[in-house]
Amino acid sequence: MENEMKINQEILGYFKEESAQVLKELNEIVNSLDAPHKEFPSRLLEDFSQKIDRIMGASKTIGLEIPDHLGLQRIGKLAELCKLLGYKAAEKKVSQFVPIYAAFWGDTLEVIENLLSSVEDLEKTEKIVKSFSAVLQKRLEWLLTRVEPKKAAATVTEHVNQVQDLLKSLGLE
């Protein structure tokens, strides 16, 4: 209850409204990724990453005001992971992974939507955080083993460590 009072309602309302619009656009991208493509959909993957970055940035910024708010933390971290995977998917250009990314993102967007709709209710937000989908976790782990940059081994290790840190912070490792 105490943290609920610390959230500026005007800022929170704008965040929820803006995020809902971005989530709608993201869901359209995910649906587009499910359709067959003549060429690899790098632009869609990059667009997804750029749009989810808006939610990530806003969530993390608002989260600075209330750093122990699990919902804002989870939204920010999920968005960050989606962004990272989107850019890596665009870079890697492996067509058979695109439907898997789309499925992962579809599930993740649903979790983010649920967290957004409950962000004022800390108890409900914590329940959502604790009931994180096992399917989503398995997809995260699977994608983690498949995503690697084309750069030197040191960069690969750095990238894997970054993703593993995100997974740990989400309570998935």
Foldseek 3Di string as FASTA:
>chain_A
DVVLVQQDPVLLVVLLVLVVVLLVVLLVLLVVLVDDDPAQPLVSLQVNLVSLVVNLVSLVVSCVSVVVQVLSVLSNLLSVLSNLLSNLCSQVRDSVCSNLNSVLVVLSSVLNNQSSVCSSPSVSNVVSLVPPDPVNLVSLVVSLVVGAHPDDPVRRVVSSVVSVVSCVVSVSD
